[in-house]
Protein backbone atom coordinates (compact mmCIF):
# COMPACT_ATOMS: atom_id res chain seq x y z
CA MET A 1 98.19 19.00 136.84
CA ALA A 2 100.24 18.07 133.78
CA ALA A 3 103.90 18.59 132.94
CA HIS A 4 105.53 18.75 129.50
CA ALA A 5 109.07 18.96 128.16
CA PRO A 6 109.95 21.90 125.86
CA SER A 7 109.26 19.55 122.91
CA GLY A 8 105.71 18.94 124.17
CA GLU A 9 106.47 15.43 125.40
CA PRO A 10 104.41 14.59 128.52
CA LEU A 11 106.37 14.12 131.76
CA THR A 12 105.46 11.96 134.74
CA VAL A 13 103.78 13.78 137.65
CA GLU A 14 103.30 12.15 141.06
CA LYS A 15 101.31 13.73 143.90
CA SER A 16 103.56 13.02 146.90
CA ARG A 17 101.55 14.95 149.54
CA SER A 18 98.30 16.91 149.63
CA ASN A 19 100.14 20.09 148.56
CA ARG A 20 103.19 18.69 146.74
CA TRP A 21 103.91 17.09 143.39
CA ARG A 22 107.06 15.43 142.09
CA VAL A 23 107.79 15.91 138.40
CA SER A 24 110.25 13.70 136.53
CA THR A 25 111.89 16.34 134.34
CA GLY A 26 113.76 13.93 132.09
CA GLY A 27 116.84 16.10 132.58
CA HIS A 28 115.28 19.20 130.99
CA ALA A 29 116.40 22.56 132.46
CA SER A 30 112.88 23.97 132.03
CA ILE A 31 109.44 22.40 131.75
CA ARG A 32 105.86 23.63 131.35
CA LEU A 33 103.30 22.97 134.08
CA THR A 34 99.58 23.42 133.60
CA TYR A 35 97.04 23.06 136.37
CA ARG A 36 93.53 24.09 137.38
CA VAL A 37 92.74 26.02 140.54
CA LEU A 38 89.50 25.83 142.53
CA CYS A 39 88.02 29.36 142.59
CA ASP A 40 84.65 29.12 144.30
CA GLN A 41 85.34 30.70 147.71
CA ARG A 42 86.37 34.17 148.82
CA SER A 43 88.50 34.39 151.94
CA VAL A 44 92.05 35.34 152.88
CA THR A 45 93.29 31.85 151.90
CA THR A 46 91.18 30.94 148.84
CA ASN A 47 90.27 32.14 145.34
CA GLU A 48 87.03 33.34 143.79
CA VAL A 49 86.17 33.92 140.13
CA ARG A 50 82.89 35.46 139.02
CA LYS A 51 81.68 36.80 135.68
CA GLU A 52 82.77 40.34 136.60
CA TYR A 53 86.02 39.74 138.53
CA GLY A 54 88.52 37.35 140.04
CA VAL A 55 90.28 37.39 143.42
CA PHE A 56 93.44 35.27 143.64
CA ASN A 57 95.48 34.43 146.72
CA GLY A 58 99.08 33.76 145.72
CA ALA A 59 99.65 30.94 148.21
CA ALA A 60 96.55 29.09 146.99
CA THR A 61 97.27 29.75 143.32
CA PHE A 62 100.96 29.65 142.40
CA MET A 63 103.49 26.84 142.56
CA THR A 64 107.20 27.02 143.32
CA LEU A 65 110.10 24.70 144.04
CA VAL A 66 110.26 23.14 147.50
CA ASP A 67 113.11 24.22 149.76
CA GLN A 68 114.55 26.71 147.27
CA GLY A 69 114.03 29.83 149.40
CA ARG A 70 112.92 33.13 147.91
CA ARG A 71 113.36 33.55 144.17
CA PRO A 72 111.70 35.70 141.50
CA HIS A 73 108.48 34.58 139.81
CA GLU A 74 106.70 36.10 136.85
CA VAL A 75 102.91 35.97 136.44
CA GLN A 76 101.02 36.73 133.22
CA PHE A 77 97.28 37.38 133.25
CA GLU A 78 95.17 36.59 130.19
CA LEU A 79 91.97 38.44 131.02
CA PRO A 80 88.55 37.25 129.85
CA ALA A 81 86.36 39.54 127.75
CA GLY A 82 84.92 42.32 129.88
CA TRP A 83 87.75 42.39 132.40
CA THR A 84 89.72 45.58 131.84
CA ARG A 85 92.43 45.75 134.50
CA VAL A 86 94.58 43.90 137.01
CA MET A 87 95.08 45.27 140.52
CA THR A 88 97.99 43.74 142.44
CA GLY A 89 100.79 44.51 144.84
CA LEU A 90 103.28 42.90 142.43
CA ASP A 91 105.70 44.93 140.31
CA GLU A 92 104.59 45.32 136.68
CA VAL A 93 106.85 43.95 133.92
CA SER A 94 106.70 45.98 130.69
CA GLY A 95 106.24 44.49 127.25
CA GLY A 96 103.92 41.83 125.90
CA ALA A 97 100.23 41.90 125.08
CA ALA A 98 98.98 40.54 128.41
CA PRO A 99 99.61 42.19 131.81
CA ARG A 100 102.70 40.67 133.46
CA PHE A 101 103.98 41.07 137.01
CA ARG A 102 107.00 39.94 138.99
CA ALA A 103 107.23 38.79 142.60
CA ALA A 104 110.70 38.94 144.14
């Protein structure tokens, strides 16, 4: 995982537990996180990506703030060539070139 300030400046990331990271935001109100997700298993708690499709489990895929309770999240899918649709229980957000969805 990597974190960057809006200017692109790298921020310090520390893995504090097996499923938690601490990011030094440098006082920025928003930052950009990038990370890779293991997608080689298909079960109710894991992810799988194949040439023809991908199956993503939200809990194993998406990050959120610790101890902040429920809050909205927006997810944007950039589909590889050959993938034509997204099927999800999330509410679709209109606008933009890539399919976007919101979780409340």
